N, C-alpha and C. Protein backbone atom coordinates (compact mmCIF):
# COMPACT_ATOMS: atom_id res chain seq x y z
N MET A 1 85.04 82.17 111.60
CA MET A 1 85.06 83.19 110.79
C MET A 1 85.64 84.55 111.44
N ILE A 2 86.76 85.15 110.92
CA ILE A 2 87.27 86.38 111.51
C ILE A 2 86.32 87.63 111.18
N SER A 3 85.80 88.22 112.22
CA SER A 3 84.92 89.32 111.91
C SER A 3 85.52 90.66 112.12
N ARG A 4 85.12 91.61 111.22
CA ARG A 4 85.65 93.03 111.47
C ARG A 4 84.55 93.94 112.02
N SER A 5 84.92 94.89 112.76
CA SER A 5 83.93 95.75 113.48
C SER A 5 83.23 96.43 112.39
N THR A 6 81.89 96.71 112.61
CA THR A 6 81.16 97.61 111.82
C THR A 6 80.89 99.01 112.26
N HIS A 7 81.79 99.50 113.06
CA HIS A 7 81.64 100.87 113.59
C HIS A 7 82.86 101.65 113.23
N LEU A 8 82.71 102.82 112.86
CA LEU A 8 83.78 103.77 112.50
C LEU A 8 84.82 103.99 113.55
N SER A 9 84.37 103.73 114.79
CA SER A 9 85.31 103.99 115.94
C SER A 9 86.34 103.01 116.04
N ASN A 10 86.20 101.81 115.24
CA ASN A 10 87.32 100.77 115.33
C ASN A 10 87.85 100.69 113.94
N VAL A 11 87.72 101.67 113.09
CA VAL A 11 88.73 101.59 111.79
C VAL A 11 89.85 102.14 112.31
N VAL A 12 91.08 101.35 111.67
CA VAL A 12 92.28 101.69 112.25
C VAL A 12 93.12 102.28 111.09
N GLY A 13 94.28 102.98 111.38
CA GLY A 13 95.21 103.46 110.54
C GLY A 13 94.94 104.60 109.52
N GLN A 14 93.69 105.16 109.66
CA GLN A 14 93.25 106.09 108.64
C GLN A 14 92.81 107.49 109.42
N PRO A 15 93.69 108.31 109.61
CA PRO A 15 93.32 109.59 110.24
C PRO A 15 92.17 110.34 109.75
N ASN A 16 91.89 110.30 108.40
CA ASN A 16 90.76 110.95 107.86
C ASN A 16 89.43 110.35 108.30
N VAL A 17 89.36 109.33 108.89
CA VAL A 17 88.19 108.68 109.50
C VAL A 17 87.59 109.64 110.53
N ARG A 18 88.42 110.47 111.01
CA ARG A 18 87.89 111.50 112.09
C ARG A 18 86.80 112.30 111.48
N PHE A 19 87.05 112.68 110.31
CA PHE A 19 85.93 113.71 109.59
C PHE A 19 84.61 112.92 109.52
N LEU A 20 84.69 111.59 109.29
CA LEU A 20 83.43 110.91 109.26
C LEU A 20 82.83 110.68 110.57
N GLN A 21 83.70 110.57 111.65
CA GLN A 21 83.23 110.51 112.99
C GLN A 21 82.64 111.86 113.49
N SER A 22 83.26 112.94 113.06
CA SER A 22 82.73 114.25 113.42
C SER A 22 81.33 114.45 112.80
N TYR A 23 81.29 113.99 111.51
CA TYR A 23 79.94 114.17 110.81
C TYR A 23 78.84 113.34 111.57
N LEU A 24 79.17 112.19 112.12
CA LEU A 24 78.36 111.40 113.01
C LEU A 24 77.64 112.26 114.21
N ARG A 25 78.56 113.07 114.60
CA ARG A 25 78.33 113.66 116.01
C ARG A 25 77.45 114.96 115.76
N LEU A 26 77.38 115.42 114.59
CA LEU A 26 76.71 116.62 114.36
C LEU A 26 75.27 116.57 114.83
N PRO A 27 74.92 117.58 115.58
CA PRO A 27 73.44 117.48 116.19
C PRO A 27 72.38 117.49 115.06
N ASN A 28 72.54 118.42 114.16
CA ASN A 28 71.60 118.51 113.13
C ASN A 28 72.38 118.18 111.73
N ARG A 29 72.59 116.87 111.59
CA ARG A 29 73.47 116.36 110.53
C ARG A 29 72.80 116.66 109.09
N PRO A 30 73.52 117.33 108.29
CA PRO A 30 72.96 117.51 106.88
C PRO A 30 73.30 116.41 106.10
N SER A 31 72.55 116.35 104.78
CA SER A 31 72.92 115.32 103.90
C SER A 31 74.31 115.75 103.34
N ARG A 32 75.15 114.76 103.01
CA ARG A 32 76.36 115.06 102.73
C ARG A 32 76.92 113.94 101.70
N CYS A 33 77.97 114.24 100.87
CA CYS A 33 78.55 113.41 99.94
C CYS A 33 80.16 113.25 100.32
N PHE A 34 80.53 111.96 100.44
CA PHE A 34 81.92 111.78 100.78
C PHE A 34 82.54 110.91 99.65
N LEU A 35 83.84 111.17 99.28
CA LEU A 35 84.61 110.27 98.39
C LEU A 35 85.78 109.81 99.18
N LEU A 36 85.91 108.49 99.30
CA LEU A 36 87.16 107.86 99.89
C LEU A 36 88.17 107.42 98.82
N GLU A 37 89.27 108.00 98.79
CA GLU A 37 90.19 107.77 97.82
C GLU A 37 91.39 107.13 98.23
N GLY A 38 92.03 106.02 97.61
CA GLY A 38 93.22 105.38 97.99
C GLY A 38 93.41 104.08 97.36
N GLU A 39 94.38 103.44 97.67
CA GLU A 39 94.88 102.21 97.08
C GLU A 39 93.82 100.98 97.53
N PRO A 40 93.85 100.03 96.67
CA PRO A 40 92.94 99.04 97.18
C PRO A 40 93.29 98.32 98.63
N GLY A 41 92.42 97.92 99.30
CA GLY A 41 92.70 97.26 100.57
C GLY A 41 93.03 98.19 101.72
N VAL A 42 92.80 99.28 101.59
CA VAL A 42 93.12 100.30 102.73
C VAL A 42 91.88 100.67 103.60
N GLY A 43 90.80 100.10 103.30
CA GLY A 43 89.59 100.25 104.20
C GLY A 43 88.52 101.21 103.70
N LYS A 44 88.57 101.53 102.43
CA LYS A 44 87.55 102.48 101.89
C LYS A 44 86.22 101.88 101.94
N SER A 45 85.96 100.82 101.38
CA SER A 45 84.68 100.13 101.40
C SER A 45 84.26 99.77 102.81
N HIS A 46 85.13 99.19 103.58
CA HIS A 46 84.87 98.90 104.90
C HIS A 46 84.33 100.21 105.68
N SER A 47 85.02 101.44 105.56
CA SER A 47 84.57 102.59 106.28
C SER A 47 83.28 103.01 105.68
N ALA A 48 83.07 102.80 104.52
CA ALA A 48 81.63 103.16 103.87
C ALA A 48 80.58 102.39 104.69
N GLN A 49 80.80 101.04 104.88
CA GLN A 49 79.93 100.20 105.46
C GLN A 49 79.76 100.62 106.97
N CYS A 50 80.90 101.01 107.48
CA CYS A 50 80.74 101.36 108.98
C CYS A 50 80.02 102.61 109.13
N LEU A 51 80.28 103.58 108.18
CA LEU A 51 79.44 104.94 108.35
C LEU A 51 78.06 104.58 108.16
N ALA A 52 77.70 103.76 107.12
CA ALA A 52 76.27 103.36 107.03
C ALA A 52 75.70 102.66 108.07
N ALA A 53 76.39 101.82 108.80
CA ALA A 53 75.84 100.98 109.90
C ALA A 53 75.78 102.09 111.06
N ASP A 54 76.59 102.95 111.33
CA ASP A 54 76.39 103.77 112.36
C ASP A 54 75.22 104.79 112.12
N LEU A 55 74.76 104.98 111.02
CA LEU A 55 73.67 105.70 110.57
C LEU A 55 72.45 104.87 110.66
N GLY A 56 72.69 103.57 110.98
CA GLY A 56 71.38 102.69 111.14
C GLY A 56 71.07 101.92 109.81
N CYS A 57 71.91 102.06 108.80
CA CYS A 57 71.63 101.51 107.47
C CYS A 57 72.54 100.23 107.24
N VAL A 58 71.99 99.10 107.21
CA VAL A 58 72.92 97.78 107.09
C VAL A 58 72.40 97.05 105.86
N ASP A 59 71.33 97.31 105.23
CA ASP A 59 70.78 96.53 104.00
C ASP A 59 69.82 97.30 103.38
N ASP A 60 69.27 96.67 102.27
CA ASP A 60 68.22 97.35 101.40
C ASP A 60 67.04 97.81 102.38
N PHE A 61 66.65 96.92 103.46
CA PHE A 61 65.45 97.14 104.16
C PHE A 61 65.67 98.35 105.06
N THR A 62 66.93 98.62 105.50
CA THR A 62 67.02 99.71 106.44
C THR A 62 67.73 100.93 105.83
N GLY A 63 67.83 101.16 104.44
CA GLY A 63 68.11 102.30 103.85
C GLY A 63 69.49 102.28 103.10
N LEU A 64 70.10 101.11 102.97
CA LEU A 64 71.46 101.02 102.42
C LEU A 64 71.42 100.49 100.99
N SER A 65 72.05 101.12 100.02
CA SER A 65 72.12 100.84 98.62
C SER A 65 73.62 100.77 98.30
N VAL A 66 74.08 99.68 97.80
CA VAL A 66 75.41 99.72 97.35
C VAL A 66 75.52 99.27 96.01
N ILE A 67 76.35 99.99 95.06
CA ILE A 67 76.34 99.77 93.51
C ILE A 67 77.63 100.16 93.00
N PRO A 68 78.26 99.27 92.29
CA PRO A 68 79.52 99.58 91.55
C PRO A 68 79.19 100.89 90.58
N ALA A 69 80.10 101.79 90.34
CA ALA A 69 79.89 102.92 89.42
C ALA A 69 79.64 102.37 88.05
N SER A 70 80.35 101.35 87.76
CA SER A 70 80.19 100.77 86.39
C SER A 70 78.90 100.21 85.99
N GLU A 71 78.02 100.00 87.03
CA GLU A 71 76.70 99.42 86.77
C GLU A 71 75.68 100.50 86.76
N LEU A 72 76.09 101.81 86.96
CA LEU A 72 75.10 102.85 86.98
C LEU A 72 74.69 103.22 85.66
N THR A 73 73.45 102.96 85.39
CA THR A 73 72.71 103.52 84.18
C THR A 73 71.89 104.76 84.47
N ILE A 74 71.24 105.36 83.62
CA ILE A 74 70.30 106.41 83.86
C ILE A 74 69.26 105.86 84.73
N ASP A 75 68.68 104.66 84.27
CA ASP A 75 67.51 104.01 84.94
C ASP A 75 67.92 103.69 86.50
N ALA A 76 69.09 103.17 86.44
CA ALA A 76 69.69 102.84 88.01
C ALA A 76 69.89 104.02 88.81
N CYS A 77 70.36 105.18 88.17
CA CYS A 77 70.44 106.41 88.94
C CYS A 77 69.02 106.90 89.33
N ARG A 78 68.11 106.81 88.53
CA ARG A 78 66.80 107.26 88.85
C ARG A 78 66.13 106.47 89.96
N GLN A 79 66.32 105.13 89.81
CA GLN A 79 65.92 104.29 90.95
C GLN A 79 66.56 104.56 92.29
N LEU A 80 67.87 104.94 92.36
CA LEU A 80 68.52 105.35 93.64
C LEU A 80 68.19 106.74 94.04
N PHE A 81 68.20 107.86 93.25
CA PHE A 81 68.08 109.04 93.71
C PHE A 81 66.64 109.59 93.76
N ASP A 82 65.77 109.13 92.72
CA ASP A 82 64.50 109.54 92.75
C ASP A 82 63.47 108.75 93.34
N VAL A 83 63.86 107.42 93.76
CA VAL A 83 62.93 106.54 94.35
C VAL A 83 63.47 106.11 95.83
N HIS A 84 64.67 105.50 95.80
CA HIS A 84 65.28 104.97 97.06
C HIS A 84 65.38 106.16 98.02
N LEU A 85 66.01 107.23 97.58
CA LEU A 85 66.29 108.33 98.66
C LEU A 85 65.05 109.03 99.13
N ARG A 86 63.97 108.95 98.37
CA ARG A 86 62.72 109.77 98.63
C ARG A 86 61.56 109.03 99.12
N HIS A 87 61.70 107.85 99.47
CA HIS A 87 60.54 107.01 99.90
C HIS A 87 60.82 106.53 101.36
N SER A 88 59.80 106.58 102.13
CA SER A 88 59.88 106.08 103.63
C SER A 88 60.40 104.66 103.71
N LEU A 89 61.06 104.36 104.69
CA LEU A 89 61.51 102.94 104.97
C LEU A 89 60.41 102.17 105.83
N LEU A 90 60.43 100.90 105.46
CA LEU A 90 59.50 99.98 106.17
C LEU A 90 60.19 99.60 107.57
N PHE A 91 61.55 99.45 107.68
CA PHE A 91 62.21 99.08 108.87
C PHE A 91 63.33 100.13 108.99
N GLY A 92 63.96 99.93 110.30
CA GLY A 92 65.06 100.86 110.48
C GLY A 92 64.64 102.24 110.87
N GLY A 93 65.61 103.06 110.87
CA GLY A 93 65.31 104.52 111.02
C GLY A 93 64.97 105.24 109.76
N ASP A 94 65.19 106.55 109.59
CA ASP A 94 64.75 107.27 108.52
C ASP A 94 65.95 107.86 107.85
N TRP A 95 67.13 107.38 108.05
CA TRP A 95 68.22 107.81 107.37
C TRP A 95 68.67 106.86 106.15
N LYS A 96 69.14 107.39 105.05
CA LYS A 96 69.46 106.49 103.88
C LYS A 96 70.76 106.83 103.45
N VAL A 97 71.34 105.76 102.98
CA VAL A 97 72.91 105.67 102.51
C VAL A 97 73.02 105.00 101.07
N VAL A 98 73.70 105.78 100.18
CA VAL A 98 74.01 105.13 98.85
C VAL A 98 75.64 105.10 98.77
N VAL A 99 76.09 103.83 98.59
CA VAL A 99 77.50 103.62 98.49
C VAL A 99 77.83 103.31 97.05
N ILE A 100 78.53 104.28 96.31
CA ILE A 100 78.92 103.96 94.87
C ILE A 100 80.53 103.55 94.80
N GLU A 101 80.60 102.22 94.49
CA GLU A 101 82.04 101.82 94.58
C GLU A 101 82.58 102.17 93.22
N GLU A 102 84.00 102.55 93.37
CA GLU A 102 84.92 102.82 92.13
C GLU A 102 84.26 103.91 91.38
N LEU A 103 84.13 105.04 91.78
CA LEU A 103 83.50 106.31 91.21
C LEU A 103 84.20 106.47 89.86
N ASP A 104 85.52 106.13 89.69
CA ASP A 104 86.26 106.44 88.47
C ASP A 104 85.87 105.50 87.35
N GLY A 105 84.83 104.57 87.71
CA GLY A 105 84.33 103.59 86.65
C GLY A 105 82.94 103.98 86.12
N VAL A 106 82.57 105.26 86.33
CA VAL A 106 81.35 105.65 85.64
C VAL A 106 81.41 105.57 84.21
N ALA A 107 80.38 104.96 83.67
CA ALA A 107 80.55 104.33 82.18
C ALA A 107 80.14 105.43 81.22
N SER A 108 79.37 106.43 81.50
CA SER A 108 78.98 107.37 80.50
C SER A 108 78.79 108.87 80.96
N LYS A 109 79.01 109.76 80.02
CA LYS A 109 78.75 111.20 80.28
C LYS A 109 77.40 111.52 80.81
N ALA A 110 76.45 110.78 80.36
CA ALA A 110 75.05 111.01 80.64
C ALA A 110 74.82 110.80 82.30
N VAL A 111 75.48 109.49 82.71
CA VAL A 111 75.31 109.27 84.03
C VAL A 111 76.21 110.27 84.95
N GLU A 112 77.35 110.85 84.37
CA GLU A 112 78.09 111.95 85.15
C GLU A 112 77.11 113.05 85.22
N ARG A 113 76.52 113.45 84.19
CA ARG A 113 75.52 114.62 84.31
C ARG A 113 74.48 114.44 85.22
N PHE A 114 73.94 113.30 85.21
CA PHE A 114 72.87 113.05 86.20
C PHE A 114 73.30 113.00 87.66
N LEU A 115 74.51 112.38 87.95
CA LEU A 115 75.06 112.47 89.27
C LEU A 115 75.39 113.93 89.69
N LYS A 116 75.75 114.74 88.84
CA LYS A 116 76.19 116.11 89.24
C LYS A 116 74.93 116.87 89.77
N VAL A 117 73.85 116.70 89.05
CA VAL A 117 72.60 117.33 89.29
C VAL A 117 72.09 116.61 90.72
N ALA A 118 71.90 115.34 90.73
CA ALA A 118 71.37 114.56 91.87
C ALA A 118 72.06 114.86 93.12
N LEU A 119 73.46 114.94 93.10
CA LEU A 119 74.21 115.05 94.34
C LEU A 119 74.03 116.56 94.92
N GLU A 120 73.50 117.46 93.98
CA GLU A 120 73.28 118.80 94.53
C GLU A 120 71.85 118.86 95.10
N ARG A 121 71.08 117.99 94.89
CA ARG A 121 69.64 118.05 95.29
C ARG A 121 69.29 116.87 96.32
N LEU A 122 70.27 116.45 97.09
CA LEU A 122 69.89 115.39 97.97
C LEU A 122 68.81 115.79 98.97
N PRO A 123 67.82 114.82 99.07
CA PRO A 123 66.79 115.08 100.18
C PRO A 123 67.43 115.07 101.52
N ASP A 124 66.67 115.40 102.63
CA ASP A 124 67.12 115.45 103.96
C ASP A 124 67.45 114.12 104.40
N ARG A 125 68.44 114.00 105.31
CA ARG A 125 68.76 112.68 105.92
C ARG A 125 69.32 111.68 105.07
N CYS A 126 70.13 112.11 104.16
CA CYS A 126 70.73 111.14 103.09
C CYS A 126 72.32 111.40 103.04
N THR A 127 73.07 110.28 102.86
CA THR A 127 74.47 110.35 102.71
C THR A 127 74.88 109.47 101.66
N VAL A 128 75.74 110.06 100.71
CA VAL A 128 76.17 109.33 99.42
C VAL A 128 77.78 109.21 99.84
N ILE A 129 78.22 107.96 99.83
CA ILE A 129 79.63 107.75 99.98
C ILE A 129 80.24 106.96 98.74
N ALA A 130 81.16 107.58 98.10
CA ALA A 130 81.75 106.96 96.90
C ALA A 130 83.32 106.54 97.32
N THR A 131 83.66 105.55 96.53
CA THR A 131 85.06 105.10 96.69
C THR A 131 85.81 105.09 95.38
N SER A 132 87.10 105.27 95.50
CA SER A 132 87.81 105.21 94.25
C SER A 132 89.31 105.04 94.56
N ASN A 133 89.96 104.15 93.72
CA ASN A 133 91.44 104.12 93.75
C ASN A 133 92.12 105.30 93.54
N SER A 134 91.57 106.13 92.62
CA SER A 134 92.26 107.38 92.31
C SER A 134 91.20 108.42 91.75
N CYS A 135 91.39 109.73 92.06
CA CYS A 135 90.50 110.67 91.51
C CYS A 135 90.93 111.02 90.10
N TYR A 136 92.04 110.52 89.57
CA TYR A 136 92.52 110.80 88.24
C TYR A 136 91.39 110.33 87.20
N GLY A 137 90.93 111.16 86.44
CA GLY A 137 90.08 110.73 85.35
C GLY A 137 88.61 111.10 85.62
N ILE A 138 88.38 111.31 86.89
CA ILE A 138 86.94 111.66 87.51
C ILE A 138 86.65 113.05 86.92
N ASP A 139 85.46 113.33 86.47
CA ASP A 139 85.02 114.60 86.02
C ASP A 139 85.34 115.58 87.24
N LYS A 140 85.95 116.67 86.86
CA LYS A 140 86.25 117.75 87.93
C LYS A 140 84.93 118.22 88.63
N ALA A 141 83.98 118.52 87.80
CA ALA A 141 82.66 118.98 88.44
C ALA A 141 82.08 117.96 89.27
N LEU A 142 82.18 116.80 89.00
CA LEU A 142 81.57 115.58 89.76
C LEU A 142 82.38 115.61 91.05
N LEU A 143 83.59 115.70 91.06
CA LEU A 143 84.45 115.57 92.15
C LEU A 143 84.14 116.71 93.23
N GLU A 144 83.70 117.81 92.77
CA GLU A 144 83.44 119.07 93.58
C GLU A 144 82.16 118.87 94.38
N ARG A 145 81.33 117.84 94.15
CA ARG A 145 80.28 117.49 94.91
C ARG A 145 80.51 116.69 96.21
N PHE A 146 81.77 116.29 96.32
CA PHE A 146 82.20 115.43 97.31
C PHE A 146 83.26 116.10 98.30
N ARG A 147 83.20 115.64 99.58
CA ARG A 147 84.32 115.98 100.48
C ARG A 147 85.15 114.77 100.29
N ILE A 148 86.46 115.05 99.59
CA ILE A 148 87.30 114.07 99.44
C ILE A 148 88.37 113.75 100.62
N LEU A 149 88.30 112.43 101.01
CA LEU A 149 89.04 111.94 102.12
C LEU A 149 90.17 110.91 101.56
N SER A 150 91.47 111.22 101.62
CA SER A 150 92.40 110.35 101.15
C SER A 150 92.77 109.29 102.10
N TYR A 151 92.99 108.05 101.77
CA TYR A 151 93.39 107.03 102.57
C TYR A 151 94.83 106.64 102.26
N SER A 152 95.68 106.37 103.27
CA SER A 152 97.06 106.01 103.09
C SER A 152 97.18 104.54 103.02
N CYS A 153 98.38 104.06 102.58
CA CYS A 153 98.39 102.61 102.31
C CYS A 153 99.74 102.01 102.92
N GLY A 154 100.49 102.78 103.64
CA GLY A 154 101.71 102.15 104.30
C GLY A 154 102.03 102.74 105.71
N GLY A 155 103.25 102.63 106.21
CA GLY A 155 103.64 103.34 107.24
C GLY A 155 102.72 103.05 108.59
N PRO A 156 102.24 104.18 109.24
CA PRO A 156 101.22 104.00 110.32
C PRO A 156 100.13 103.21 110.07
N PHE A 157 99.54 103.26 108.82
CA PHE A 157 98.36 102.27 108.44
C PHE A 157 98.82 100.85 108.75
N GLN A 158 99.95 100.50 107.99
CA GLN A 158 100.46 99.12 108.11
C GLN A 158 100.55 98.74 109.66
N GLU A 159 101.23 99.57 110.44
CA GLU A 159 101.38 99.13 111.84
C GLU A 159 100.08 99.10 112.63
N SER A 160 99.17 99.97 112.30
CA SER A 160 97.84 99.83 112.92
C SER A 160 97.17 98.53 112.48
N CYS A 161 97.21 98.20 111.29
CA CYS A 161 96.60 97.01 110.82
C CYS A 161 97.23 95.84 111.47
N GLN A 162 98.37 95.76 111.61
CA GLN A 162 99.10 94.59 112.25
C GLN A 162 98.74 94.48 113.73
N ASP A 163 98.66 95.61 114.40
CA ASP A 163 98.16 95.54 115.74
C ASP A 163 96.75 94.92 115.83
N ARG A 164 95.73 95.33 114.88
CA ARG A 164 94.51 94.73 114.76
C ARG A 164 94.46 93.37 114.47
N LEU A 165 95.37 92.85 113.55
CA LEU A 165 95.48 91.39 113.18
C LEU A 165 95.92 90.54 114.41
N ALA A 166 96.87 91.13 115.18
CA ALA A 166 97.18 90.39 116.38
C ALA A 166 96.12 90.32 117.37
N ALA A 167 95.43 91.44 117.55
CA ALA A 167 94.26 91.39 118.53
C ALA A 167 93.17 90.41 117.97
N LEU A 168 92.94 90.37 116.76
CA LEU A 168 91.87 89.50 116.27
C LEU A 168 92.37 87.93 116.45
N TRP A 169 93.70 87.75 116.25
CA TRP A 169 94.17 86.36 116.46
C TRP A 169 94.04 85.92 118.00
N VAL A 170 94.44 87.03 118.92
CA VAL A 170 94.19 86.61 120.31
C VAL A 170 92.76 86.51 120.67
N GLU A 171 91.80 87.09 120.03
CA GLU A 171 90.54 87.02 120.27
C GLU A 171 90.00 85.70 119.90
N ARG A 172 90.47 85.07 118.92
CA ARG A 172 90.08 83.78 118.36
C ARG A 172 90.81 82.62 119.03
N PHE A 173 92.21 82.76 119.24
CA PHE A 173 93.03 81.60 119.61
C PHE A 173 93.79 81.85 120.97
N GLY A 174 93.43 82.89 121.65
CA GLY A 174 94.16 83.20 122.98
C GLY A 174 95.59 83.34 122.73
N ASP A 175 96.38 82.68 123.66
CA ASP A 175 97.84 82.91 123.63
C ASP A 175 98.57 81.94 122.63
N ARG A 176 97.84 81.34 121.83
CA ARG A 176 98.54 80.44 120.79
C ARG A 176 99.42 81.50 119.93
N ASP A 177 100.63 80.88 119.60
CA ASP A 177 101.51 81.81 118.72
C ASP A 177 100.92 81.91 117.36
N MET A 178 100.99 83.16 116.79
CA MET A 178 100.72 83.50 115.40
C MET A 178 101.73 82.83 114.49
N PRO A 179 101.29 82.42 113.27
CA PRO A 179 102.26 81.71 112.35
C PRO A 179 103.39 82.57 111.96
N SER A 180 104.51 82.06 111.81
CA SER A 180 105.78 82.77 111.40
C SER A 180 105.54 83.48 109.99
N GLY A 181 105.87 84.68 110.03
CA GLY A 181 105.74 85.51 108.83
C GLY A 181 104.49 86.20 108.74
N TRP A 182 103.76 86.25 109.80
CA TRP A 182 102.49 86.92 109.74
C TRP A 182 102.55 88.39 109.51
N ARG A 183 103.65 88.97 109.84
CA ARG A 183 103.83 90.40 109.54
C ARG A 183 103.86 90.74 108.06
N PHE A 184 104.09 89.78 107.28
CA PHE A 184 104.31 89.91 105.77
C PHE A 184 102.78 89.80 105.16
N TRP A 185 101.85 89.37 105.89
CA TRP A 185 100.52 89.27 105.35
C TRP A 185 99.98 90.59 105.00
N GLY A 186 99.63 90.75 103.77
CA GLY A 186 99.06 92.04 103.27
C GLY A 186 100.08 92.99 102.74
N VAL A 187 101.53 92.67 102.89
CA VAL A 187 102.42 93.54 102.29
C VAL A 187 102.54 93.35 100.87
N ARG A 188 102.29 94.27 100.04
CA ARG A 188 102.18 94.37 98.56
C ARG A 188 103.56 94.71 98.05
N ASP A 189 104.24 95.79 98.60
CA ASP A 189 105.60 96.20 98.26
C ASP A 189 106.07 97.10 99.41
N LYS A 190 107.20 97.73 99.39
CA LYS A 190 107.70 98.60 100.39
C LYS A 190 106.82 99.62 100.86
N GLU A 191 105.91 100.10 99.95
CA GLU A 191 105.06 101.25 100.37
C GLU A 191 103.55 101.01 100.42
N ARG A 192 103.10 99.75 100.12
CA ARG A 192 101.72 99.47 100.19
C ARG A 192 101.50 98.23 100.90
N PHE A 193 100.34 98.33 101.61
CA PHE A 193 99.80 97.27 102.54
C PHE A 193 98.35 97.27 102.40
N SER A 194 97.83 96.05 102.18
CA SER A 194 96.30 95.76 101.99
C SER A 194 95.83 95.02 103.24
N MET A 195 94.89 95.58 103.93
CA MET A 195 94.32 94.96 105.10
C MET A 195 93.43 93.93 104.59
N ARG A 196 92.75 94.11 103.51
CA ARG A 196 91.74 93.04 102.89
C ARG A 196 92.59 91.76 102.56
N VAL A 197 93.83 91.83 102.09
CA VAL A 197 94.78 90.69 101.83
C VAL A 197 95.16 90.04 103.09
N ALA A 198 95.49 90.93 104.08
CA ALA A 198 95.95 90.40 105.39
C ALA A 198 94.85 89.63 106.12
N LEU A 199 93.63 90.10 106.04
CA LEU A 199 92.56 89.43 106.66
C LEU A 199 92.29 88.03 106.02
N ALA A 200 92.40 88.12 104.63
CA ALA A 200 92.16 86.80 103.92
C ALA A 200 93.22 85.76 104.42
N ARG A 201 94.46 86.28 104.57
CA ARG A 201 95.45 85.34 105.00
C ARG A 201 95.21 84.89 106.40
N LEU A 202 94.75 85.77 107.22
CA LEU A 202 94.40 85.45 108.66
C LEU A 202 93.27 84.38 108.74
N GLU A 203 92.38 84.66 107.91
CA GLU A 203 91.16 83.69 107.84
C GLU A 203 91.70 82.28 107.33
N GLU A 204 92.65 82.21 106.41
CA GLU A 204 93.23 80.96 106.01
C GLU A 204 93.97 80.18 107.06
N HIS A 205 94.70 80.81 107.79
CA HIS A 205 95.45 80.23 108.85
C HIS A 205 94.54 79.85 110.04
N ALA A 206 93.45 80.57 110.25
CA ALA A 206 92.41 80.31 111.24
C ALA A 206 91.73 79.02 111.00
N GLU A 207 91.41 78.91 109.62
CA GLU A 207 90.77 77.66 109.25
C GLU A 207 91.70 76.40 109.31
N LEU A 208 92.98 76.60 109.05
CA LEU A 208 93.91 75.42 109.17
C LEU A 208 94.02 75.02 110.77
N CYS A 209 94.20 76.12 111.50
CA CYS A 209 94.34 75.81 112.94
C CYS A 209 92.96 75.15 113.47
N ALA A 210 91.94 75.55 113.07
CA ALA A 210 90.66 74.86 113.48
C ALA A 210 90.67 73.39 113.10
N MET A 211 91.25 73.03 112.08
CA MET A 211 91.23 71.72 111.56
C MET A 211 92.19 70.82 112.34
N GLU A 212 93.16 71.40 113.03
CA GLU A 212 94.17 70.58 113.66
C GLU A 212 93.64 69.86 114.85
């Protein structure tokens, strides 16, 4: 299995990751909300998981909650913001993280209103990370609760990802030649590259090589 690093320091090709890294270094880190915005496959969800892991939150038991915005109901919001974020953990540290996937998929105005209030009243030692393919259509007042970090999908991002793919291949197979055409893994068009797709292709070829 090809593994990806779970630390922000190893996220490649996205300059705005430095803002998340600087947040980690703050001596008296405040509760904060981030929105990672960009095309599918550019590392938004991976960055959210890495930030959570760097804060010591890797699963439900250690303070991490992940939910698609489309599944947020008022009851789910209350469970997250009134229960999860305000109760002590049995394991891990005392930091808590909520990851809301695809914020543009919030299903109702009532949930939007709840989030706008809840994000203004986060308890200490909490981080909320949302992702979205686009900020278009998201309530303006809700967006104002977040520090928005845009993720790029081509150019330097693609080059950095391809360097990482090559390094992962060497880590797994040493000096064995990579399959021909590997630089096209993850290329969606002239301007877009998906690391998620590229990693899936890498995994497919790794499995084939393991069977030889």
